[in-house]
Each structure stands twice: as C-alpha cells, then as structure tokens.
N, C-alpha and C. Protein backbone atom coordinates (compact mmCIF):
# COMPACT_ATOMS: atom_id res chain seq x y z
N MET A 1 99.09 94.88 74.31
CA MET A 1 100.40 95.36 74.75
C MET A 1 100.91 94.46 75.86
N ASN A 2 102.08 93.93 75.69
CA ASN A 2 102.70 93.10 76.71
C ASN A 2 103.67 93.94 77.52
N ILE A 3 103.61 93.76 78.84
CA ILE A 3 104.55 94.47 79.70
C ILE A 3 105.37 93.46 80.49
N SER A 4 106.57 93.85 80.82
CA SER A 4 107.46 92.94 81.54
C SER A 4 107.03 92.85 83.01
N GLN A 5 107.60 91.89 83.70
CA GLN A 5 107.31 91.71 85.13
C GLN A 5 107.72 92.95 85.93
N VAL A 6 108.85 93.54 85.56
CA VAL A 6 109.32 94.74 86.26
C VAL A 6 108.35 95.89 86.03
N GLU A 7 107.91 96.05 84.78
CA GLU A 7 106.94 97.11 84.48
C GLU A 7 105.63 96.88 85.22
N LEU A 8 105.19 95.64 85.30
CA LEU A 8 103.97 95.30 86.03
C LEU A 8 104.12 95.62 87.50
N GLN A 9 105.26 95.27 88.07
CA GLN A 9 105.52 95.56 89.48
C GLN A 9 105.53 97.07 89.72
N ASN A 10 106.16 97.82 88.84
CA ASN A 10 106.20 99.28 88.97
C ASN A 10 104.80 99.88 88.84
N LEU A 11 104.01 99.36 87.92
CA LEU A 11 102.65 99.84 87.73
C LEU A 11 101.80 99.59 88.97
N ARG A 12 101.93 98.42 89.55
CA ARG A 12 101.18 98.10 90.77
C ARG A 12 101.60 99.02 91.92
N HIS A 13 102.89 99.31 91.99
CA HIS A 13 103.40 100.21 93.03
C HIS A 13 102.81 101.62 92.85
N LEU A 14 102.78 102.10 91.63
CA LEU A 14 102.21 103.42 91.36
C LEU A 14 100.72 103.47 91.67
N ILE A 15 100.00 102.42 91.30
CA ILE A 15 98.55 102.35 91.57
C ILE A 15 98.31 102.38 93.07
N SER A 16 99.08 101.60 93.80
CA SER A 16 98.94 101.56 95.26
C SER A 16 99.23 102.92 95.88
N GLY A 17 100.28 103.58 95.40
CA GLY A 17 100.63 104.89 95.93
C GLY A 17 99.54 105.92 95.69
N HIS A 18 98.94 105.89 94.51
CA HIS A 18 97.86 106.84 94.22
C HIS A 18 96.60 106.53 95.03
N ALA A 19 96.34 105.26 95.26
CA ALA A 19 95.19 104.89 96.09
C ALA A 19 95.39 105.37 97.52
N THR A 20 96.59 105.22 98.04
CA THR A 20 96.91 105.68 99.39
C THR A 20 96.79 107.20 99.49
N ALA A 21 97.33 107.89 98.49
CA ALA A 21 97.26 109.35 98.48
C ALA A 21 95.81 109.81 98.45
N GLU A 22 94.98 109.17 97.63
CA GLU A 22 93.57 109.54 97.56
C GLU A 22 92.88 109.39 98.92
N LYS A 23 93.11 108.27 99.58
CA LYS A 23 92.49 108.03 100.89
C LYS A 23 92.93 109.08 101.91
N LYS A 24 94.22 109.38 101.94
CA LYS A 24 94.74 110.36 102.89
C LYS A 24 94.17 111.74 102.61
N LEU A 25 94.15 112.13 101.35
CA LEU A 25 93.63 113.45 101.00
C LEU A 25 92.16 113.58 101.34
N ARG A 26 91.38 112.54 101.12
CA ARG A 26 89.95 112.58 101.48
C ARG A 26 89.79 112.67 103.01
N PHE A 27 90.66 111.98 103.73
CA PHE A 27 90.61 112.08 105.19
C PHE A 27 90.95 113.50 105.63
N TYR A 28 92.01 114.06 105.07
CA TYR A 28 92.40 115.43 105.43
C TYR A 28 91.27 116.41 105.11
N ALA A 29 90.61 116.22 103.98
CA ALA A 29 89.49 117.08 103.60
C ALA A 29 88.37 117.00 104.63
N SER A 30 88.16 115.82 105.16
CA SER A 30 87.07 115.64 106.13
C SER A 30 87.40 116.24 107.49
N GLN A 31 88.68 116.52 107.73
CA GLN A 31 89.10 117.00 109.04
C GLN A 31 89.22 118.52 109.14
N THR A 32 89.13 119.22 108.02
CA THR A 32 89.32 120.66 108.06
C THR A 32 87.98 121.40 108.04
N SER A 33 87.97 122.55 108.68
CA SER A 33 86.76 123.37 108.65
C SER A 33 86.88 124.50 107.63
N ASP A 34 88.05 124.65 107.05
CA ASP A 34 88.28 125.69 106.04
C ASP A 34 87.83 125.17 104.68
N SER A 35 86.83 125.82 104.09
CA SER A 35 86.25 125.32 102.84
C SER A 35 87.24 125.35 101.68
N GLN A 36 88.12 126.33 101.65
CA GLN A 36 89.11 126.39 100.57
C GLN A 36 90.13 125.26 100.69
N VAL A 37 90.55 124.99 101.90
CA VAL A 37 91.49 123.89 102.14
C VAL A 37 90.80 122.56 101.82
N ARG A 38 89.54 122.42 102.23
CA ARG A 38 88.79 121.19 101.94
C ARG A 38 88.69 120.98 100.43
N GLN A 39 88.37 122.04 99.71
CA GLN A 39 88.25 121.93 98.26
C GLN A 39 89.59 121.53 97.63
N MET A 40 90.68 122.10 98.12
CA MET A 40 92.00 121.75 97.60
C MET A 40 92.29 120.26 97.81
N PHE A 41 92.01 119.77 99.02
CA PHE A 41 92.23 118.35 99.30
C PHE A 41 91.34 117.47 98.44
N GLU A 42 90.07 117.86 98.28
CA GLU A 42 89.14 117.06 97.49
C GLU A 42 89.55 117.02 96.02
N GLN A 43 90.01 118.15 95.50
CA GLN A 43 90.46 118.18 94.11
C GLN A 43 91.71 117.32 93.93
N SER A 44 92.61 117.39 94.90
CA SER A 44 93.82 116.58 94.83
C SER A 44 93.49 115.09 94.93
N ALA A 45 92.53 114.76 95.78
CA ALA A 45 92.09 113.37 95.92
C ALA A 45 91.49 112.88 94.61
N GLN A 46 90.69 113.71 93.97
CA GLN A 46 90.08 113.32 92.70
C GLN A 46 91.14 113.12 91.62
N SER A 47 92.14 113.98 91.63
CA SER A 47 93.24 113.84 90.67
C SER A 47 93.99 112.53 90.89
N ALA A 48 94.22 112.18 92.15
CA ALA A 48 94.89 110.91 92.46
C ALA A 48 94.03 109.73 92.00
N ALA A 49 92.71 109.83 92.21
CA ALA A 49 91.80 108.76 91.78
C ALA A 49 91.79 108.63 90.26
N ASP A 50 91.76 109.77 89.57
CA ASP A 50 91.77 109.74 88.11
C ASP A 50 93.05 109.10 87.57
N THR A 51 94.17 109.46 88.18
CA THR A 51 95.45 108.90 87.75
C THR A 51 95.50 107.40 88.04
N ARG A 52 95.01 107.01 89.23
CA ARG A 52 94.96 105.58 89.58
C ARG A 52 94.14 104.81 88.56
N ASN A 53 92.98 105.36 88.18
CA ASN A 53 92.12 104.70 87.21
C ASN A 53 92.79 104.61 85.84
N LYS A 54 93.52 105.64 85.46
CA LYS A 54 94.24 105.63 84.19
C LYS A 54 95.32 104.55 84.22
N LEU A 55 96.03 104.46 85.33
CA LEU A 55 97.05 103.42 85.47
C LEU A 55 96.43 102.02 85.44
N LEU A 56 95.28 101.86 86.08
CA LEU A 56 94.58 100.57 86.08
C LEU A 56 94.20 100.16 84.66
N SER A 57 93.89 101.14 83.84
CA SER A 57 93.49 100.81 82.45
C SER A 57 94.63 100.14 81.68
N PHE A 58 95.87 100.39 82.09
CA PHE A 58 97.01 99.77 81.43
C PHE A 58 97.10 98.27 81.75
N LEU A 59 96.43 97.86 82.80
CA LEU A 59 96.45 96.43 83.15
C LEU A 59 95.48 95.64 82.26
N GLY A 60 94.59 96.40 81.60
CA GLY A 60 93.70 95.85 80.60
C GLY A 60 92.71 94.88 81.11
C-alpha cells in the first residue's frame, strides 16, 4: 500500500500524539493513590499504546 506524503505526515503526527498520551497517562497512574483511578489511567495508557502500535503497522 502506497501512502502520500500528507498521509505519512498525518500518520506520524497521530503516532506521536498517542505515544505522548501513553506516557502522560502512565505518569498520572503512578502519581495517584486511588486504585480505581490508577486502573483507569493504566487502561487508557494501554489503549493509547495499542492504537500507536496499530498505526505503526501501517508504516510497514
């Protein structure tokens, strides 16, 4: 599958955004003492990581 330069740029932007979100969510999870809040942040971080990995797969 060939993608245009614009599509590639957009894909890289999305990957970067999901990587940043994952890092922030993991940091927030590490800062809370509430186990339910920690679990919510950790699940959200994992979702961001999964999406980032899926987007990376498009780069082939």
